[in-house]
Amino acid sequence: MSLEKIRKLRKAPDNIPSVKVIELPSSKSIVNRVLTLASLAKGKSTIHNYNLLRHSEDVNTMLNALSALNINLVFNDGDLQITGATLHRASVPIQAASAGAVLRFLLPLVALHCAEPVEFSGSKRLFERPLKPLLDALSSLGAMWRPKSNGGLLIPPKMAPKTVDLEIDPSLSSQFISGMAMAIAGLPNGGILRWTKPPVSQNYLLLTNQWLRCFKCGTRLNKNSLEILNGSPEPISLNVPGDWSAAAVFFCAAAILERKIEIFPLDPQDGQPDTAILPILESVGSSWRFEGEHCHFKGRLNSGISADLIDCPDLAPVLAATAASAPGISELRGLNTLPHKESDRLRGAIDLVKWLGGKAEELPDFSLRIHPAATPSISDEPFDPMDDHRMVFAAAIGTLRSGGAILNPNCVSKSFPNFWEAWDSSQ
């Protein structure tokens, strides 16, 4: 098998310099929201640190999609300028690849702001993931979805509304609310979204609300509704914060190895749900401090991990791998959205713990009880991450104590193209 298809990792060395410094890519969760809102803003928005995003597959997928929708994108000396409010029709079909956020953010955008039908295509797995609640909401506005092989055609309503009062079911993904809310923000009179079932991953909804306000959209987030009080987002200029999901990989590795690490650029106030990694690891012995955008982290793992991940489900794979090396039994709760991610991450986490020599019990309430191996061990067979970047990150953490091999390691390019260079430099 070629090296492109498998990566062999050695046990982490015992003696390394006391502190390693890691530079993170920018948050794709934030940049996809920024790009969506900038496409509706009348004027030019600028991302100043675009060089930290340039090769992320998900971000490139969003950029290609917006370009196909006639949004003007100009790259200049590390900056990206987006000229918005020019959506009319798609020059070519939208290729969403495996990016759930791209599909769920752009379907409402097309329905409310394009004059002609737009074809969407993507991976088989993308259209196996939940989509019906969003399509039902769009249908109630007069849009139509015609399924095709690995995609479909979205036909906008004959007349775009000036305001919206809509109920949506967010119990499978908060992205349904986020996508609709950003599209509604571009309507002349805004609108309101209501829900009767509690949103999953609610912190991502808070993140969307935060960025709506950054674009000067008045909002009122209530327990069962989100009001967008005025339309027409205003253009902004910004540096996109570093990716806390990527940072979590290195924090977990430092906790397992009881090492110090310095990670930047990070902002604990930027609204990303995976900031939860720091208090979770603090509860088992780690500590940290901030100097500006640099986080100085001292890792320690004194016990098993107990954490509710209902609002930060992307942490589940890396914490499952960490729990497999913890000195005690761990319990991870709130995992009900994991089967609907890029892969079935609930099954993937169970398989990963087993691969590492431990045992994962699946409890009735979408929780996992993880029993670590008595001694570090690993299967002779390579771990299959099912082409899921976060499962690769988790598997890398799992190999720290005994080494191992990972299939399809380059799928990390979805969110962190130079992950392996950063990983190797941290060891």
Protein backbone atom coordinates (compact mmCIF):
# COMPACT_ATOMS: atom_id res chain seq x y z
CA MET A 1 0.00 0.00 0.00
CA SER A 2 1.37 3.46 -0.92
CA LEU A 3 2.49 5.96 1.71
CA GLU A 4 -0.32 8.25 0.55
CA LYS A 5 -2.80 5.63 1.78
CA ILE A 6 -1.19 4.79 5.12
CA ARG A 7 0.90 6.57 7.74
CA LYS A 8 2.94 4.69 10.30
CA LEU A 9 3.40 6.49 13.59
CA ARG A 10 6.01 5.68 16.19
CA LYS A 11 5.58 5.83 19.95
CA ALA A 12 6.10 9.41 21.12
CA PRO A 13 9.69 10.01 22.31
CA ASP A 14 10.31 10.42 26.02
CA ASN A 15 12.81 13.27 25.80
CA ILE A 16 11.84 16.39 23.84
CA PRO A 17 12.38 20.14 24.48
CA SER A 18 10.24 21.38 27.37
CA VAL A 19 7.87 23.52 25.26
CA LYS A 20 6.66 23.07 21.68
CA VAL A 21 5.03 25.96 19.82
CA ILE A 22 2.17 25.19 17.41
CA GLU A 23 0.54 27.63 14.96
CA LEU A 24 -3.06 26.76 14.16
CA PRO A 25 -5.12 27.20 11.02
CA SER A 26 -8.03 29.62 11.25
CA SER A 27 -11.43 28.29 12.30
CA LYS A 28 -13.38 26.95 9.34
CA SER A 29 -16.58 27.14 11.43
CA ILE A 30 -16.10 30.89 11.70
CA VAL A 31 -14.79 31.53 8.20
CA ASN A 32 -17.74 29.72 6.58
CA ARG A 33 -20.11 31.95 8.56
CA VAL A 34 -18.09 35.04 7.64
CA LEU A 35 -18.08 34.13 3.94
CA THR A 36 -21.82 33.46 3.96
CA LEU A 37 -22.66 36.77 5.62
CA ALA A 38 -20.10 38.71 3.55
CA SER A 39 -21.81 37.40 0.40
CA LEU A 40 -24.98 39.25 1.51
CA ALA A 41 -23.32 42.46 2.69
CA LYS A 42 -23.43 45.46 0.33
CA GLY A 43 -19.77 46.32 -0.10
CA LYS A 44 -16.36 44.77 0.47
CA SER A 45 -15.49 42.61 3.47
CA THR A 46 -11.87 41.61 4.08
CA ILE A 47 -10.29 38.59 5.78
CA HIS A 48 -6.73 39.70 6.54
CA ASN A 49 -5.19 36.34 7.51
CA TYR A 50 -6.57 34.33 4.62
CA ASN A 51 -3.15 32.65 4.18
CA LEU A 52 -4.03 30.51 7.24
CA LEU A 53 -7.11 29.17 5.43
CA ARG A 54 -5.98 28.88 1.86
CA HIS A 55 -5.63 25.12 1.48
CA SER A 56 -8.44 23.87 3.72
CA GLU A 57 -10.69 21.75 1.51
CA ASP A 58 -13.91 22.84 3.24
CA VAL A 59 -13.04 26.53 2.93
CA ASN A 60 -11.99 26.12 -0.71
CA THR A 61 -15.29 24.31 -1.34
CA MET A 62 -17.20 27.28 0.08
CA LEU A 63 -15.12 29.76 -1.94
CA ASN A 64 -15.67 27.84 -5.16
CA ALA A 65 -19.40 27.68 -4.46
CA LEU A 66 -19.67 31.42 -3.80
CA SER A 67 -17.63 32.15 -6.89
CA ALA A 68 -20.07 30.01 -8.91
CA LEU A 69 -22.86 32.14 -7.43
CA ASN A 70 -21.16 35.28 -8.85
CA ILE A 71 -19.72 36.56 -5.59
CA ASN A 72 -16.56 38.55 -6.38
CA LEU A 73 -13.53 37.15 -4.51
CA VAL A 74 -10.15 38.91 -4.77
CA PHE A 75 -6.93 37.61 -3.20
CA ASN A 76 -4.21 40.16 -2.50
CA ASP A 77 -1.08 39.82 -0.33
CA GLY A 78 -2.65 37.37 2.12
CA ASP A 79 -5.98 39.22 2.21
CA LEU A 80 -9.28 38.00 0.80
CA GLN A 81 -11.81 40.61 -0.28
CA ILE A 82 -15.46 39.56 -0.71
CA THR A 83 -17.88 41.84 -2.54
CA GLY A 84 -21.39 40.83 -1.58
CA ALA A 85 -25.02 41.40 -2.54
CA THR A 86 -24.45 40.11 -6.09
CA LEU A 87 -26.20 36.72 -5.84
CA HIS A 88 -28.44 36.02 -8.84
CA ARG A 89 -27.80 32.63 -10.42
CA ALA A 90 -25.14 29.90 -10.51
CA SER A 91 -22.79 29.82 -13.49
CA VAL A 92 -22.04 26.13 -12.83
CA PRO A 93 -23.46 23.45 -10.47
CA ILE A 94 -22.45 23.85 -6.81
CA GLN A 95 -20.07 21.09 -5.76
CA ALA A 96 -20.37 20.72 -1.96
CA ALA A 97 -18.00 17.71 -1.76
CA SER A 98 -18.32 16.37 1.82
CA ALA A 99 -18.85 19.77 3.49
CA GLY A 100 -22.07 19.73 5.51
CA ALA A 101 -21.81 23.42 6.39
CA VAL A 102 -21.44 24.43 2.74
CA LEU A 103 -24.61 22.56 1.76
CA ARG A 104 -26.67 23.63 4.79
CA PHE A 105 -25.60 27.27 4.60
CA LEU A 106 -26.00 27.68 0.84
CA LEU A 107 -29.34 25.94 0.30
CA PRO A 108 -31.20 28.72 2.20
CA LEU A 109 -28.99 31.36 0.58
CA VAL A 110 -29.98 30.17 -2.89
CA ALA A 111 -33.66 29.75 -1.95
CA LEU A 112 -34.00 33.32 -0.67
CA HIS A 113 -31.53 35.22 -2.86
CA CYS A 114 -31.18 33.55 -6.26
CA ALA A 115 -33.53 34.05 -9.18
CA GLU A 116 -32.97 30.74 -10.93
CA PRO A 117 -32.63 27.05 -9.97
CA VAL A 118 -29.23 25.87 -8.73
CA GLU A 119 -27.93 22.32 -8.88
CA PHE A 120 -26.04 20.91 -5.88
CA SER A 121 -23.83 17.82 -5.90
CA GLY A 122 -21.51 16.17 -3.40
CA SER A 123 -20.26 12.96 -1.88
CA LYS A 124 -22.60 10.06 -1.25
CA ARG A 125 -22.14 10.46 2.52
CA LEU A 126 -23.08 14.16 2.39
CA PHE A 127 -26.59 13.39 1.17
CA GLU A 128 -26.96 10.50 3.61
CA ARG A 129 -26.61 12.99 6.47
CA PRO A 130 -29.75 14.74 7.83
CA LEU A 131 -31.21 17.32 5.46
CA LYS A 132 -35.00 16.83 5.46
CA PRO A 133 -35.85 19.40 8.21
CA LEU A 134 -34.05 22.10 6.25
CA LEU A 135 -35.69 21.10 2.97
CA ASP A 136 -39.11 21.06 4.68
CA ALA A 137 -38.52 24.61 5.93
CA LEU A 138 -37.53 25.77 2.45
CA SER A 139 -40.57 24.03 0.97
CA SER A 140 -42.85 26.00 3.30
CA LEU A 141 -41.41 29.16 1.71
CA GLY A 142 -42.24 27.94 -1.78
CA ALA A 143 -38.88 26.45 -2.77
CA MET A 144 -38.71 22.97 -4.31
CA TRP A 145 -36.01 20.29 -4.07
CA ARG A 146 -35.70 17.75 -6.85
CA PRO A 147 -33.34 14.92 -5.82
CA LYS A 148 -30.75 13.64 -8.27
CA SER A 149 -27.97 11.09 -8.03
CA ASN A 150 -25.60 12.39 -5.30
CA GLY A 151 -27.36 15.74 -5.14
CA GLY A 152 -30.37 17.66 -6.32
CA LEU A 153 -31.80 20.79 -7.93
CA LEU A 154 -33.07 23.61 -5.71
CA ILE A 155 -35.78 25.74 -7.33
CA PRO A 156 -36.28 29.07 -5.50
CA PRO A 157 -39.80 30.38 -4.81
CA LYS A 158 -41.33 32.42 -7.62
CA MET A 159 -41.06 35.54 -5.50
CA ALA A 160 -38.53 35.95 -2.69
CA PRO A 161 -40.14 37.06 0.60
CA LYS A 162 -39.23 40.35 2.24
CA THR A 163 -39.51 38.79 5.67
CA VAL A 164 -39.90 35.27 7.09
CA ASP A 165 -41.74 33.76 10.06
CA LEU A 166 -40.79 30.11 10.01
CA GLU A 167 -40.69 27.01 12.21
CA ILE A 168 -37.75 24.62 11.82
CA ASP A 169 -36.67 21.37 13.49
CA PRO A 170 -33.05 21.69 14.76
CA SER A 171 -32.99 18.41 16.71
CA LEU A 172 -30.56 16.79 14.24
CA SER A 173 -28.35 19.78 13.44
CA SER A 174 -28.09 23.39 14.61
CA GLN A 175 -26.75 24.19 11.13
CA PHE A 176 -30.36 24.21 9.91
CA ILE A 177 -31.02 27.27 12.08
CA SER A 178 -27.65 28.85 11.28
CA GLY A 179 -28.08 28.52 7.53
CA MET A 180 -31.64 29.87 7.58
CA ALA A 181 -30.75 32.71 9.96
CA MET A 182 -27.91 33.99 7.78
CA ALA A 183 -30.05 33.84 4.64
CA ILE A 184 -32.89 35.67 6.43
CA ALA A 185 -30.40 38.36 7.50
CA GLY A 186 -30.16 39.36 3.85
CA LEU A 187 -33.91 39.98 3.51
CA PRO A 188 -35.11 43.61 3.64
CA ASN A 189 -37.12 43.10 6.84
CA GLY A 190 -35.28 40.19 8.46
CA GLY A 191 -37.53 37.60 10.09
CA ILE A 192 -37.94 35.08 12.85
CA LEU A 193 -37.13 31.38 13.25
CA ARG A 194 -39.00 29.26 15.79
CA TRP A 195 -38.45 25.72 17.07
CA THR A 196 -40.30 23.41 19.42
CA LYS A 197 -37.53 20.83 19.81
CA PRO A 198 -34.28 21.80 21.54
CA PRO A 199 -31.39 22.51 19.14
CA VAL A 200 -28.42 20.15 19.29
CA SER A 201 -24.92 21.64 19.46
CA GLN A 202 -26.49 24.85 20.75
CA ASN A 203 -23.12 26.59 21.15
CA TYR A 204 -22.81 26.65 17.36
CA LEU A 205 -26.09 28.55 17.29
CA LEU A 206 -24.58 31.03 19.75
CA LEU A 207 -21.58 31.30 17.40
CA THR A 208 -23.87 32.14 14.48
CA ASN A 209 -25.68 34.75 16.57
CA GLN A 210 -22.34 36.29 17.52
CA TRP A 211 -21.29 36.68 13.88
CA LEU A 212 -24.67 38.02 12.80
CA ARG A 213 -24.08 40.80 15.29
CA CYS A 214 -20.51 41.32 14.05
CA PHE A 215 -22.08 42.10 10.65
CA LYS A 216 -24.40 44.61 12.39
CA CYS A 217 -27.50 42.44 12.14
CA GLY A 218 -29.78 43.09 15.09
CA THR A 219 -30.78 39.79 16.71
CA ARG A 220 -32.71 38.52 19.69
CA LEU A 221 -31.94 34.91 20.64
CA ASN A 222 -34.58 33.37 22.87
CA LYS A 223 -35.06 29.85 24.22
CA ASN A 224 -37.31 28.79 21.33
CA SER A 225 -36.67 31.41 18.66
CA LEU A 226 -34.15 33.62 16.90
CA GLU A 227 -35.29 37.02 15.68
CA ILE A 228 -33.31 38.85 12.99
CA LEU A 229 -34.54 42.39 13.52
CA ASN A 230 -33.09 44.02 10.41
CA GLY A 231 -31.71 42.87 7.10
CA SER A 232 -28.68 43.92 5.04
CA PRO A 233 -25.49 42.84 6.85
CA GLU A 234 -22.76 45.48 6.77
CA PRO A 235 -19.28 44.62 5.42
CA ILE A 236 -16.48 44.12 7.95
CA SER A 237 -12.71 43.55 8.07
CA LEU A 238 -11.22 40.95 10.40
CA ASN A 239 -8.68 38.31 11.25
CA VAL A 240 -10.40 34.94 11.64
CA PRO A 241 -9.49 33.35 15.01
CA GLY A 242 -7.54 30.10 15.26
CA ASP A 243 -9.35 26.76 15.23
CA TRP A 244 -10.12 25.39 18.71
CA SER A 245 -11.00 21.99 17.22
CA ALA A 246 -7.45 21.74 15.90
CA ALA A 247 -6.03 23.02 19.18
CA ALA A 248 -7.86 20.28 21.09
CA VAL A 249 -5.75 17.63 19.33
CA PHE A 250 -2.52 19.08 20.70
CA PHE A 251 -3.95 19.82 24.15
CA CYS A 252 -5.06 16.19 24.47
CA ALA A 253 -1.65 14.94 23.31
CA ALA A 254 0.09 17.14 25.86
CA ALA A 255 -2.22 15.85 28.62
CA ILE A 256 -1.43 12.21 27.79
CA LEU A 257 2.34 12.84 27.66
CA GLU A 258 2.37 15.32 30.58
CA ARG A 259 4.15 17.94 28.50
CA LYS A 260 4.05 21.70 28.06
CA ILE A 261 2.88 23.25 24.82
CA GLU A 262 2.26 26.76 23.49
CA ILE A 263 -0.52 27.18 20.90
CA PHE A 264 -1.57 30.27 18.93
CA PRO A 265 -3.58 32.14 17.70
CA LEU A 266 -6.43 31.46 20.13
CA ASP A 267 -9.14 33.64 21.62
CA PRO A 268 -11.13 32.07 24.49
CA GLN A 269 -13.92 34.62 23.88
CA ASP A 270 -14.48 33.97 20.17
CA GLY A 271 -17.52 31.72 20.69
CA GLN A 272 -16.19 28.44 19.29
CA PRO A 273 -17.76 25.53 21.22
CA ASP A 274 -14.50 23.60 21.45
CA THR A 275 -13.09 26.10 23.95
CA ALA A 276 -14.66 23.55 26.31
CA ILE A 277 -11.53 21.42 25.91
CA LEU A 278 -9.64 23.50 28.48
CA PRO A 279 -12.04 23.08 31.44
CA ILE A 280 -12.50 19.40 30.54
CA LEU A 281 -8.75 18.76 30.68
CA GLU A 282 -8.41 21.00 33.75
CA SER A 283 -10.81 18.64 35.55
CA VAL A 284 -8.29 15.80 35.12
CA GLY A 285 -5.17 17.72 36.14
CA SER A 286 -4.05 20.00 33.31
CA SER A 287 -3.58 23.77 33.61
CA TRP A 288 -3.10 26.76 31.31
CA ARG A 289 -2.68 30.51 31.06
CA PHE A 290 -3.04 33.02 28.23
CA GLU A 291 -0.60 35.69 27.08
CA GLY A 292 -2.44 37.57 24.37
CA GLU A 293 -3.43 35.02 21.72
CA HIS A 294 -0.91 32.44 22.96
CA CYS A 295 -2.14 29.66 25.25
CA HIS A 296 0.53 28.12 27.52
CA PHE A 297 -0.69 24.65 28.45
CA LYS A 298 0.74 22.18 30.98
CA GLY A 299 -0.67 18.73 30.39
CA ARG A 300 -1.62 16.15 32.97
CA LEU A 301 -4.09 13.24 33.05
CA ASN A 302 -4.77 12.18 36.65
CA SER A 303 -8.03 10.29 36.18
CA GLY A 304 -10.72 9.22 33.75
CA ILE A 305 -12.66 11.94 31.92
CA SER A 306 -16.29 12.81 32.65
CA ALA A 307 -17.79 15.24 30.15
CA ASP A 308 -21.10 16.16 28.55
CA LEU A 309 -20.37 16.98 24.89
CA ILE A 310 -23.91 17.84 23.76
CA ASP A 311 -22.78 21.37 22.81
CA CYS A 312 -19.29 20.47 21.58
CA PRO A 313 -19.62 17.11 19.79
CA ASP A 314 -16.52 17.61 17.64
CA LEU A 315 -14.44 16.96 20.78
CA ALA A 316 -15.79 13.41 21.11
CA PRO A 317 -13.25 11.55 18.92
CA VAL A 318 -10.13 13.17 20.44
CA LEU A 319 -11.48 12.78 23.98
CA ALA A 320 -12.31 9.11 23.32
CA ALA A 321 -8.70 8.57 22.24
CA THR A 322 -7.48 10.45 25.32
CA ALA A 323 -9.75 8.40 27.58
CA ALA A 324 -8.19 5.23 26.18
CA SER A 325 -4.92 6.38 27.80
CA ALA A 326 -6.42 7.74 31.02
CA PRO A 327 -5.68 6.16 34.43
CA GLY A 328 -9.30 5.30 35.09
CA ILE A 329 -12.73 4.78 33.55
CA SER A 330 -14.15 7.68 31.50
CA GLU A 331 -17.69 8.59 30.52
CA LEU A 332 -18.53 10.81 27.54
CA ARG A 333 -22.17 11.93 27.26
CA GLY A 334 -24.29 13.85 24.78
CA LEU A 335 -23.11 11.96 21.70
CA ASN A 336 -26.46 11.71 19.90
CA THR A 337 -25.33 13.67 16.81
CA LEU A 338 -22.15 11.63 16.23
CA PRO A 339 -23.72 9.01 13.91
CA HIS A 340 -24.70 11.84 11.51
CA LYS A 341 -21.29 13.46 11.06
CA GLU A 342 -18.83 13.04 8.15
CA SER A 343 -18.69 9.43 9.31
CA ASP A 344 -20.53 7.56 12.06
CA ARG A 345 -18.24 8.95 14.76
CA LEU A 346 -19.99 7.06 17.54
CA ARG A 347 -19.11 3.75 15.90
CA GLY A 348 -15.71 5.16 14.95
CA ALA A 349 -14.92 6.11 18.57
CA ILE A 350 -15.89 2.62 19.76
CA ASP A 351 -13.71 1.01 17.09
CA LEU A 352 -10.81 3.33 17.92
CA VAL A 353 -10.85 2.49 21.63
CA LYS A 354 -10.91 -1.21 20.74
CA TRP A 355 -8.01 -0.70 18.30
CA LEU A 356 -6.07 0.89 21.17
CA GLY A 357 -6.64 -2.15 23.39
CA GLY A 358 -9.41 -0.67 25.52
CA LYS A 359 -13.15 -1.21 25.73
CA ALA A 360 -16.00 1.22 24.99
CA GLU A 361 -19.48 0.45 26.31
CA GLU A 362 -22.31 2.09 24.41
CA LEU A 363 -24.91 3.21 26.95
CA PRO A 364 -28.62 3.69 26.13
CA ASP A 365 -28.51 7.51 26.30
CA PHE A 366 -25.88 8.06 23.59
CA SER A 367 -23.03 7.88 26.08
CA LEU A 368 -19.80 5.92 26.07
CA ARG A 369 -18.11 4.38 29.09
CA ILE A 370 -14.46 3.86 28.18
CA HIS A 371 -12.18 1.38 29.93
CA PRO A 372 -8.52 1.94 29.04
CA ALA A 373 -6.16 -0.92 28.29
CA ALA A 374 -4.21 -2.23 31.30
CA THR A 375 -0.99 -1.72 29.32
CA PRO A 376 -0.48 0.29 26.12
CA SER A 377 -1.18 -1.90 23.11
CA ILE A 378 -2.45 -1.54 19.61
CA SER A 379 -3.83 -3.70 16.84
CA ASP A 380 -1.45 -4.79 14.08
CA GLU A 381 -4.06 -3.71 11.54
CA PRO A 382 -4.12 -0.03 10.48
CA PHE A 383 -7.00 2.03 11.83
CA ASP A 384 -9.60 3.05 9.25
CA PRO A 385 -10.88 6.60 9.94
CA MET A 386 -13.54 6.30 7.23
CA ASP A 387 -12.16 9.37 5.41
CA ASP A 388 -13.06 11.52 8.42
CA HIS A 389 -10.48 14.15 9.39
CA ARG A 390 -11.48 14.19 13.06
CA MET A 391 -11.12 10.42 13.33
CA VAL A 392 -7.58 10.77 11.94
CA PHE A 393 -6.78 13.36 14.61
CA ALA A 394 -8.11 10.99 17.27
CA ALA A 395 -6.14 8.04 15.92
CA ALA A 396 -2.94 10.11 15.97
CA ILE A 397 -3.52 10.82 19.67
CA GLY A 398 -4.12 7.12 20.26
CA THR A 399 -0.72 6.13 18.85
CA LEU A 400 1.27 8.27 21.29
CA ARG A 401 1.80 5.45 23.81
CA SER A 402 2.56 2.56 21.45
CA GLY A 403 2.65 3.70 17.82
CA GLY A 404 0.44 2.37 15.03
CA ALA A 405 -0.69 2.92 11.45
CA ILE A 406 -3.58 4.97 10.02
CA LEU A 407 -5.31 4.54 6.68
CA ASN A 408 -6.08 7.52 4.44
CA PRO A 409 -4.17 10.00 6.65
CA ASN A 410 -4.37 12.87 4.15
CA CYS A 411 -8.10 13.44 4.66
CA VAL A 412 -6.97 15.91 7.35
CA SER A 413 -6.75 18.41 4.46
CA LYS A 414 -10.51 18.95 4.97
CA SER A 415 -9.73 21.29 7.88
CA PHE A 416 -5.97 21.25 8.69
CA PRO A 417 -3.88 20.69 5.55
CA ASN A 418 -0.50 20.87 7.28
CA PHE A 419 -1.57 18.81 10.28
CA TRP A 420 1.10 16.15 9.84
CA GLU A 421 3.89 18.73 9.68
CA ALA A 422 2.58 20.31 12.89
CA TRP A 423 2.14 16.88 14.51
CA ASP A 424 5.67 15.74 13.65
CA SER A 425 7.15 19.01 14.92
CA SER A 426 5.29 18.62 18.23
CA GLN A 427 6.86 15.21 18.99
